[in-house]
Amino acid sequence: MGREGLMTGRFEAPVIEVDERGLAWHRSSRCHPTTEPKCTEVALDGKIVRVRDAKSTQSGELHVSRTGWRALLRRLSAPLDSPEG
C-alpha cells in the first residue's frame, strides 16, 4: 500500500480480510508470505489506525491516531539527514 494512500485514508492495496467488526485489513503489496513474512496489516477505524502482525492476527493490535500515523509515515519516509529524519 502506498504511503500516500495511508496518509489520506485511501488504500491502493486490496482488502485481504474483513473481520467480524467489519474492519477492512490491508497489507503492503511488497509483503509475500514466503519471501517477506514479517509484515503488518493496517485497518482504518474512524479516527484510529489499527496495526497488527500479519502472521499472528489474534495477538493484539497497536492503535494510533490518524494524526500520529501520518507523522510516523512522514518521519519514516524523510531522508536521514533531514530535520524530520
PDB file of N, CA and C in Angstrom:
ATOM      1  N   MET A   1       0.852  -1.157   0.000  1.00  0.00           N
ATOM      2  CA  MET A   1       0.000   0.000   0.000  1.00  0.00           C
ATOM      3  C   MET A   1       0.892   1.213   0.000  1.00  0.00           C
ATOM      4  N   GLY A   2       0.561   2.166  -0.784  1.00  0.00           N
ATOM      5  CA  GLY A   2       1.402   3.332  -0.929  1.00  0.00           C
ATOM      6  C   GLY A   2       1.323   4.248   0.275  1.00  0.00           C
ATOM      7  N   ARG A   3       2.398   4.954   0.498  1.00  0.00           N
ATOM      8  CA  ARG A   3       2.470   5.897   1.612  1.00  0.00           C
ATOM      9  C   ARG A   3       1.370   6.946   1.483  1.00  0.00           C
ATOM     10  N   GLU A   4       1.117   7.433   0.258  1.00  0.00           N
ATOM     11  CA  GLU A   4       0.084   8.437   0.060  1.00  0.00           C
ATOM     12  C   GLU A   4      -1.280   7.893   0.461  1.00  0.00           C
ATOM     13  N   GLY A   5      -1.543   6.647   0.140  1.00  0.00           N
ATOM     14  CA  GLY A   5      -2.819   6.042   0.487  1.00  0.00           C
ATOM     15  C   GLY A   5      -3.040   6.000   1.983  1.00  0.00           C
ATOM     16  N   LEU A   6      -2.030   5.632   2.713  1.00  0.00           N
ATOM     17  CA  LEU A   6      -2.168   5.577   4.164  1.00  0.00           C
ATOM     18  C   LEU A   6      -2.317   6.962   4.771  1.00  0.00           C
ATOM     19  N   MET A   7      -1.684   7.931   4.174  1.00  0.00           N
ATOM     20  CA  MET A   7      -1.744   9.273   4.737  1.00  0.00           C
ATOM     21  C   MET A   7      -3.091   9.938   4.458  1.00  0.00           C
ATOM     22  N   THR A   8      -3.746   9.573   3.367  1.00  0.00           N
ATOM     23  CA  THR A   8      -5.021  10.203   3.025  1.00  0.00           C
ATOM     24  C   THR A   8      -6.211   9.350   3.408  1.00  0.00           C
ATOM     25  N   GLY A   9      -5.982   8.093   3.740  1.00  0.00           N
ATOM     26  CA  GLY A   9      -7.088   7.205   4.070  1.00  0.00           C
ATOM     27  C   GLY A   9      -7.590   6.411   2.884  1.00  0.00           C
ATOM     28  N   ARG A  10      -6.929   6.533   1.739  1.00  0.00           N
ATOM     29  CA  ARG A  10      -7.283   5.738   0.559  1.00  0.00           C
ATOM     30  C   ARG A  10      -6.206   4.679   0.383  1.00  0.00           C
ATOM     31  N   PHE A  11      -6.628   3.439   0.268  1.00  0.00           N
ATOM     32  CA  PHE A  11      -5.669   2.353   0.147  1.00  0.00           C
ATOM     33  C   PHE A  11      -5.556   1.889  -1.290  1.00  0.00           C
ATOM     34  N   GLU A  12      -4.335   1.628  -1.713  1.00  0.00           N
ATOM     35  CA  GLU A  12      -4.088   1.069  -3.029  1.00  0.00           C
ATOM     36  C   GLU A  12      -4.034  -0.449  -2.956  1.00  0.00           C
ATOM     37  N   ALA A  13      -3.688  -0.982  -1.817  1.00  0.00           N
ATOM     38  CA  ALA A  13      -3.597  -2.430  -1.641  1.00  0.00           C
ATOM     39  C   ALA A  13      -4.999  -3.006  -1.482  1.00  0.00           C
ATOM     40  N   PRO A  14      -5.207  -4.199  -2.011  1.00  0.00           N
ATOM     41  CA  PRO A  14      -6.539  -4.807  -1.871  1.00  0.00           C
ATOM     42  C   PRO A  14      -6.824  -5.207  -0.427  1.00  0.00           C
ATOM     43  N   VAL A  15      -8.092  -5.320  -0.130  1.00  0.00           N
ATOM     44  CA  VAL A  15      -8.515  -5.809   1.183  1.00  0.00           C
ATOM     45  C   VAL A  15      -8.173  -7.289   1.249  1.00  0.00           C
ATOM     46  N   ILE A  16      -7.474  -7.705   2.306  1.00  0.00           N
ATOM     47  CA  ILE A  16      -7.144  -9.119   2.450  1.00  0.00           C
ATOM     48  C   ILE A  16      -8.111  -9.833   3.381  1.00  0.00           C
ATOM     49  N   GLU A  17      -8.793  -9.053   4.223  1.00  0.00           N
ATOM     50  CA  GLU A  17      -9.749  -9.647   5.154  1.00  0.00           C
ATOM     51  C   GLU A  17     -10.686  -8.559   5.668  1.00  0.00           C
ATOM     52  N   VAL A  18     -11.930  -8.913   5.853  1.00  0.00           N
ATOM     53  CA  VAL A  18     -12.863  -8.074   6.595  1.00  0.00           C
ATOM     54  C   VAL A  18     -13.209  -8.874   7.841  1.00  0.00           C
ATOM     55  N   ASP A  19     -12.844  -8.344   9.007  1.00  0.00           N
ATOM     56  CA  ASP A  19     -13.034  -9.115  10.237  1.00  0.00           C
ATOM     57  C   ASP A  19     -14.464  -8.998  10.759  1.00  0.00           C
ATOM     58  N   GLU A  20     -14.707  -9.639  11.906  1.00  0.00           N
ATOM     59  CA  GLU A  20     -16.058  -9.690  12.477  1.00  0.00           C
ATOM     60  C   GLU A  20     -16.580  -8.315  12.888  1.00  0.00           C
ATOM     61  N   ARG A  21     -15.681  -7.349  13.045  1.00  0.00           N
ATOM     62  CA  ARG A  21     -16.091  -5.979  13.390  1.00  0.00           C
ATOM     63  C   ARG A  21     -16.383  -5.142  12.146  1.00  0.00           C
ATOM     64  N   GLY A  22     -16.141  -5.735  10.976  1.00  0.00           N
ATOM     65  CA  GLY A  22     -16.347  -5.010   9.727  1.00  0.00           C
ATOM     66  C   GLY A  22     -15.142  -4.196   9.295  1.00  0.00           C
ATOM     67  N   LEU A  23     -13.984  -4.400   9.953  1.00  0.00           N
ATOM     68  CA  LEU A  23     -12.771  -3.672   9.590  1.00  0.00           C
ATOM     69  C   LEU A  23     -12.123  -4.324   8.375  1.00  0.00           C
ATOM     70  N   ALA A  24     -11.777  -3.516   7.397  1.00  0.00           N
ATOM     71  CA  ALA A  24     -11.100  -4.000   6.192  1.00  0.00           C
ATOM     72  C   ALA A  24      -9.594  -3.872   6.405  1.00  0.00           C
ATOM     73  N   TRP A  25      -8.910  -5.010   6.449  1.00  0.00           N
ATOM     74  CA  TRP A  25      -7.469  -5.045   6.691  1.00  0.00           C
ATOM     75  C   TRP A  25      -6.726  -5.072   5.364  1.00  0.00           C
ATOM     76  N   HIS A  26      -5.636  -4.296   5.308  1.00  0.00           N
ATOM     77  CA  HIS A  26      -4.817  -4.175   4.105  1.00  0.00           C
ATOM     78  C   HIS A  26      -3.379  -4.559   4.458  1.00  0.00           C
ATOM     79  N   ARG A  27      -2.693  -5.105   3.461  1.00  0.00           N
ATOM     80  CA  ARG A  27      -1.287  -5.481   3.625  1.00  0.00           C
ATOM     81  C   ARG A  27      -0.520  -4.934   2.425  1.00  0.00           C
ATOM     82  N   SER A  28       0.699  -4.531   2.638  1.00  0.00           N
ATOM     83  CA  SER A  28       1.519  -3.998   1.561  1.00  0.00           C
ATOM     84  C   SER A  28       1.641  -4.993   0.417  1.00  0.00           C
ATOM     85  N   SER A  29       1.656  -4.482  -0.797  1.00  0.00           N
ATOM     86  CA  SER A  29       1.848  -5.351  -1.958  1.00  0.00           C
ATOM     87  C   SER A  29       3.251  -5.947  -1.963  1.00  0.00           C
ATOM     88  N   ARG A  30       4.157  -5.385  -1.195  1.00  0.00           N
ATOM     89  CA  ARG A  30       5.522  -5.926  -1.096  1.00  0.00           C
ATOM     90  C   ARG A  30       5.614  -7.102  -0.130  1.00  0.00           C
ATOM     91  N   CYS A  31       4.575  -7.338   0.602  1.00  0.00           N
ATOM     92  CA  CYS A  31       4.551  -8.420   1.581  1.00  0.00           C
ATOM     93  C   CYS A  31       4.162  -9.725   0.898  1.00  0.00           C
ATOM     94  N   HIS A  32       4.995 -10.728   1.056  1.00  0.00           N
ATOM     95  CA  HIS A  32       4.716 -12.048   0.494  1.00  0.00           C
ATOM     96  C   HIS A  32       4.969 -13.076   1.589  1.00  0.00           C
ATOM     97  N   PRO A  33       4.067 -14.032   1.765  1.00  0.00           N
ATOM     98  CA  PRO A  33       4.188 -14.979   2.882  1.00  0.00           C
ATOM     99  C   PRO A  33       5.505 -15.745   2.943  1.00  0.00           C
ATOM    100  N   THR A  34       6.145 -16.009   1.802  1.00  0.00           N
ATOM    101  CA  THR A  34       7.385 -16.785   1.843  1.00  0.00           C
ATOM    102  C   THR A  34       8.633 -15.929   1.698  1.00  0.00           C
ATOM    103  N   THR A  35       8.590 -14.885   0.891  1.00  0.00           N
ATOM    104  CA  THR A  35       9.790 -14.076   0.691  1.00  0.00           C
ATOM    105  C   THR A  35       9.911 -12.928   1.682  1.00  0.00           C
ATOM    106  N   GLU A  36       8.803 -12.452   2.201  1.00  0.00           N
ATOM    107  CA  GLU A  36       8.809 -11.351   3.169  1.00  0.00           C
ATOM    108  C   GLU A  36       7.699 -11.572   4.189  1.00  0.00           C
ATOM    109  N   PRO A  37       7.915 -12.549   5.092  1.00  0.00           N
ATOM    110  CA  PRO A  37       6.837 -12.908   6.019  1.00  0.00           C
ATOM    111  C   PRO A  37       6.642 -11.949   7.195  1.00  0.00           C
ATOM    112  N   LYS A  38       7.570 -11.043   7.422  1.00  0.00           N
ATOM    113  CA  LYS A  38       7.471 -10.139   8.577  1.00  0.00           C
ATOM    114  C   LYS A  38       6.744  -8.862   8.169  1.00  0.00           C
ATOM    115  N   CYS A  39       5.428  -8.955   8.089  1.00  0.00           N
ATOM    116  CA  CYS A  39       4.620  -7.837   7.619  1.00  0.00           C
ATOM    117  C   CYS A  39       3.587  -7.440   8.660  1.00  0.00           C
ATOM    118  N   THR A  40       3.083  -6.244   8.483  1.00  0.00           N
ATOM    119  CA  THR A  40       1.975  -5.781   9.301  1.00  0.00           C
ATOM    120  C   THR A  40       0.768  -5.541   8.408  1.00  0.00           C
ATOM    121  N   GLU A  41      -0.379  -5.511   9.033  1.00  0.00           N
ATOM    122  CA  GLU A  41      -1.625  -5.201   8.347  1.00  0.00           C
ATOM    123  C   GLU A  41      -2.210  -3.962   9.002  1.00  0.00           C
ATOM    124  N   VAL A  42      -2.937  -3.178   8.225  1.00  0.00           N
ATOM    125  CA  VAL A  42      -3.468  -1.906   8.694  1.00  0.00           C
ATOM    126  C   VAL A  42      -4.948  -1.810   8.351  1.00  0.00           C
ATOM    127  N   ALA A  43      -5.729  -1.272   9.285  1.00  0.00           N
ATOM    128  CA  ALA A  43      -7.153  -1.009   9.052  1.00  0.00           C
ATOM    129  C   ALA A  43      -7.490   0.367   9.607  1.00  0.00           C
ATOM    130  N   LEU A  44      -8.328   1.090   8.887  1.00  0.00           N
ATOM    131  CA  LEU A  44      -8.812   2.381   9.364  1.00  0.00           C
ATOM    132  C   LEU A  44     -10.117   2.164  10.100  1.00  0.00           C
ATOM    133  N   ASP A  45     -10.221   2.764  11.283  1.00  0.00           N
ATOM    134  CA  ASP A  45     -11.414   2.617  12.115  1.00  0.00           C
ATOM    135  C   ASP A  45     -11.762   3.987  12.686  1.00  0.00           C
ATOM    136  N   GLY A  46     -12.490   4.769  11.910  1.00  0.00           N
ATOM    137  CA  GLY A  46     -12.801   6.128  12.343  1.00  0.00           C
ATOM    138  C   GLY A  46     -11.541   6.964  12.404  1.00  0.00           C
ATOM    139  N   LYS A  47     -11.243   7.505  13.576  1.00  0.00           N
ATOM    140  CA  LYS A  47     -10.053   8.341  13.743  1.00  0.00           C
ATOM    141  C   LYS A  47      -8.838   7.539  14.186  1.00  0.00           C
ATOM    142  N   ILE A  48      -8.979   6.217  14.219  1.00  0.00           N
ATOM    143  CA  ILE A  48      -7.905   5.335  14.685  1.00  0.00           C
ATOM    144  C   ILE A  48      -7.365   4.502  13.523  1.00  0.00           C
ATOM    145  N   VAL A  49      -6.044   4.326  13.493  1.00  0.00           N
ATOM    146  CA  VAL A  49      -5.405   3.385  12.581  1.00  0.00           C
ATOM    147  C   VAL A  49      -5.013   2.186  13.427  1.00  0.00           C
ATOM    148  N   ARG A  50      -5.471   1.024  13.038  1.00  0.00           N
ATOM    149  CA  ARG A  50      -5.153  -0.210  13.757  1.00  0.00           C
ATOM    150  C   ARG A  50      -4.064  -0.952  12.983  1.00  0.00           C
ATOM    151  N   VAL A  51      -3.056  -1.431  13.705  1.00  0.00           N
ATOM    152  CA  VAL A  51      -1.931  -2.138  13.101  1.00  0.00           C
ATOM    153  C   VAL A  51      -1.785  -3.468  13.814  1.00  0.00           C
ATOM    154  N   ARG A  52      -1.585  -4.547  13.040  1.00  0.00           N
ATOM    155  CA  ARG A  52      -1.401  -5.866  13.652  1.00  0.00           C
ATOM    156  C   ARG A  52      -0.363  -6.667  12.875  1.00  0.00           C
ATOM    157  N   ASP A  53       0.143  -7.710  13.508  1.00  0.00           N
ATOM    158  CA  ASP A  53       1.107  -8.625  12.911  1.00  0.00           C
ATOM    159  C   ASP A  53       0.374  -9.532  11.926  1.00  0.00           C
ATOM    160  N   ALA A  54       0.841  -9.582  10.688  1.00  0.00           N
ATOM    161  CA  ALA A  54       0.178 -10.387   9.659  1.00  0.00           C
ATOM    162  C   ALA A  54       0.247 -11.880   9.954  1.00  0.00           C
ATOM    163  N   LYS A  55       1.299 -12.335  10.642  1.00  0.00           N
ATOM    164  CA  LYS A  55       1.433 -13.768  10.943  1.00  0.00           C
ATOM    165  C   LYS A  55       0.638 -14.183  12.166  1.00  0.00           C
ATOM    166  N   SER A  56       0.305 -13.230  13.016  1.00  0.00           N
ATOM    167  CA  SER A  56      -0.375 -13.547  14.267  1.00  0.00           C
ATOM    168  C   SER A  56      -1.480 -12.516  14.503  1.00  0.00           C
ATOM    169  N   THR A  57      -2.503 -12.566  13.680  1.00  0.00           N
ATOM    170  CA  THR A  57      -3.534 -11.528  13.693  1.00  0.00           C
ATOM    171  C   THR A  57      -4.345 -11.483  14.980  1.00  0.00           C
ATOM    172  N   GLN A  58      -4.340 -12.548  15.755  1.00  0.00           N
ATOM    173  CA  GLN A  58      -5.107 -12.582  17.001  1.00  0.00           C
ATOM    174  C   GLN A  58      -4.287 -12.158  18.217  1.00  0.00           C
ATOM    175  N   SER A  59      -3.025 -11.775  18.013  1.00  0.00           N
ATOM    176  CA  SER A  59      -2.154 -11.467  19.155  1.00  0.00           C
ATOM    177  C   SER A  59      -2.250 -10.022  19.634  1.00  0.00           C
ATOM    178  N   GLY A  60      -3.152  -9.243  19.086  1.00  0.00           N
ATOM    179  CA  GLY A  60      -3.329  -7.874  19.552  1.00  0.00           C
ATOM    180  C   GLY A  60      -3.085  -6.863  18.453  1.00  0.00           C
ATOM    181  N   GLU A  61      -3.416  -5.625  18.768  1.00  0.00           N
ATOM    182  CA  GLU A  61      -3.300  -4.535  17.805  1.00  0.00           C
ATOM    183  C   GLU A  61      -2.663  -3.324  18.467  1.00  0.00           C
ATOM    184  N   LEU A  62      -1.995  -2.552  17.666  1.00  0.00           N
ATOM    185  CA  LEU A  62      -1.489  -1.252  18.073  1.00  0.00           C
ATOM    186  C   LEU A  62      -2.465  -0.225  17.511  1.00  0.00           C
ATOM    187  N   HIS A  63      -2.950   0.690  18.346  1.00  0.00           N
ATOM    188  CA  HIS A  63      -3.882   1.729  17.904  1.00  0.00           C
ATOM    189  C   HIS A  63      -3.154   3.066  17.899  1.00  0.00           C
ATOM    190  N   VAL A  64      -3.256   3.761  16.783  1.00  0.00           N
ATOM    191  CA  VAL A  64      -2.590   5.045  16.604  1.00  0.00           C
ATOM    192  C   VAL A  64      -3.608   6.022  16.020  1.00  0.00           C
ATOM    193  N   SER A  65      -3.556   7.270  16.452  1.00  0.00           N
ATOM    194  CA  SER A  65      -4.436   8.272  15.842  1.00  0.00           C
ATOM    195  C   SER A  65      -4.004   8.483  14.393  1.00  0.00           C
ATOM    196  N   ARG A  66      -4.921   8.943  13.561  1.00  0.00           N
ATOM    197  CA  ARG A  66      -4.553   9.215  12.165  1.00  0.00           C
ATOM    198  C   ARG A  66      -3.468  10.284  12.095  1.00  0.00           C
ATOM    199  N   THR A  67      -3.540  11.271  12.972  1.00  0.00           N
ATOM    200  CA  THR A  67      -2.516  12.311  13.005  1.00  0.00           C
ATOM    201  C   THR A  67      -1.161  11.709  13.358  1.00  0.00           C
ATOM    202  N   GLY A  68      -1.135  10.853  14.366  1.00  0.00           N
ATOM    203  CA  GLY A  68       0.101  10.185  14.755  1.00  0.00           C
ATOM    204  C   GLY A  68       0.635   9.283  13.660  1.00  0.00           C
ATOM    205  N   TRP A  69      -0.264   8.599  12.965  1.00  0.00           N
ATOM    206  CA  TRP A  69       0.128   7.701  11.870  1.00  0.00           C
ATOM    207  C   TRP A  69       0.775   8.500  10.740  1.00  0.00           C
ATOM    208  N   ARG A  70       0.149   9.619  10.366  1.00  0.00           N
ATOM    209  CA  ARG A  70       0.718  10.453   9.299  1.00  0.00           C
ATOM    210  C   ARG A  70       2.091  10.981   9.705  1.00  0.00           C
ATOM    211  N   ALA A  71       2.239  11.368  10.968  1.00  0.00           N
ATOM    212  CA  ALA A  71       3.533  11.854  11.451  1.00  0.00           C
ATOM    213  C   ALA A  71       4.580  10.745  11.392  1.00  0.00           C
ATOM    214  N   LEU A  72       4.200   9.538  11.769  1.00  0.00           N
ATOM    215  CA  LEU A  72       5.126   8.405  11.708  1.00  0.00           C
ATOM    216  C   LEU A  72       5.555   8.140  10.270  1.00  0.00           C
ATOM    217  N   LEU A  73       4.621   8.125   9.340  1.00  0.00           N
ATOM    218  CA  LEU A  73       4.961   7.877   7.940  1.00  0.00           C
ATOM    219  C   LEU A  73       5.852   8.971   7.369  1.00  0.00           C
ATOM    220  N   ARG A  74       5.582  10.224   7.724  1.00  0.00           N
ATOM    221  CA  ARG A  74       6.459  11.317   7.271  1.00  0.00           C
ATOM    222  C   ARG A  74       7.867  11.118   7.805  1.00  0.00           C
ATOM    223  N   ARG A  75       7.965  10.758   9.067  1.00  0.00           N
ATOM    224  CA  ARG A  75       9.279  10.554   9.697  1.00  0.00           C
ATOM    225  C   ARG A  75      10.028   9.400   9.038  1.00  0.00           C
ATOM    226  N   LEU A  76       9.332   8.307   8.782  1.00  0.00           N
ATOM    227  CA  LEU A  76       9.970   7.140   8.175  1.00  0.00           C
ATOM    228  C   LEU A  76      10.378   7.379   6.731  1.00  0.00           C
ATOM    229  N   SER A  77       9.668   8.247   6.031  1.00  0.00           N
ATOM    230  CA  SER A  77       9.976   8.478   4.623  1.00  0.00           C
ATOM    231  C   SER A  77      10.945   9.636   4.405  1.00  0.00           C
ATOM    232  N   ALA A  78      11.284  10.372   5.451  1.00  0.00           N
ATOM    233  CA  ALA A  78      12.199  11.508   5.323  1.00  0.00           C
ATOM    234  C   ALA A  78      13.634  11.011   5.179  1.00  0.00           C
ATOM    235  N   PRO A  79      14.449  11.705   4.388  1.00  0.00           N
ATOM    236  CA  PRO A  79      15.871  11.347   4.308  1.00  0.00           C
ATOM    237  C   PRO A  79      16.510  11.440   5.694  1.00  0.00           C
ATOM    238  N   LEU A  80      17.494  10.612   5.927  1.00  0.00           N
ATOM    239  CA  LEU A  80      18.122  10.564   7.250  1.00  0.00           C
ATOM    240  C   LEU A  80      18.763  11.882   7.660  1.00  0.00           C
ATOM    241  N   ASP A  81      19.204  12.681   6.691  1.00  0.00           N
ATOM    242  CA  ASP A  81      19.871  13.933   7.041  1.00  0.00           C
ATOM    243  C   ASP A  81      18.913  15.124   7.097  1.00  0.00           C
ATOM    244  N   SER A  82      17.617  14.876   6.991  1.00  0.00           N
ATOM    245  CA  SER A  82      16.653  15.973   7.063  1.00  0.00           C
ATOM    246  C   SER A  82      16.265  16.217   8.519  1.00  0.00           C
ATOM    247  N   PRO A  83      15.697  17.387   8.820  1.00  0.00           N
ATOM    248  CA  PRO A  83      15.260  17.658  10.198  1.00  0.00           C
ATOM    249  C   PRO A  83      14.218  16.661  10.697  1.00  0.00           C
ATOM    250  N   GLU A  84      13.427  16.081   9.770  1.00  0.00           N
ATOM    251  CA  GLU A  84      12.414  15.103  10.169  1.00  0.00           C
ATOM    252  C   GLU A  84      12.993  13.704  10.300  1.00  0.00           C
ATOM    253  N   GLY A  85      14.184  13.447   9.758  1.00  0.00           N
ATOM    254  CA  GLY A  85      14.729  12.092   9.691  1.00  0.00           C
ATOM    255  C   GLY A  85      15.555  11.701  10.799  1.00  0.00           C
TER     256      GLY A  85
END
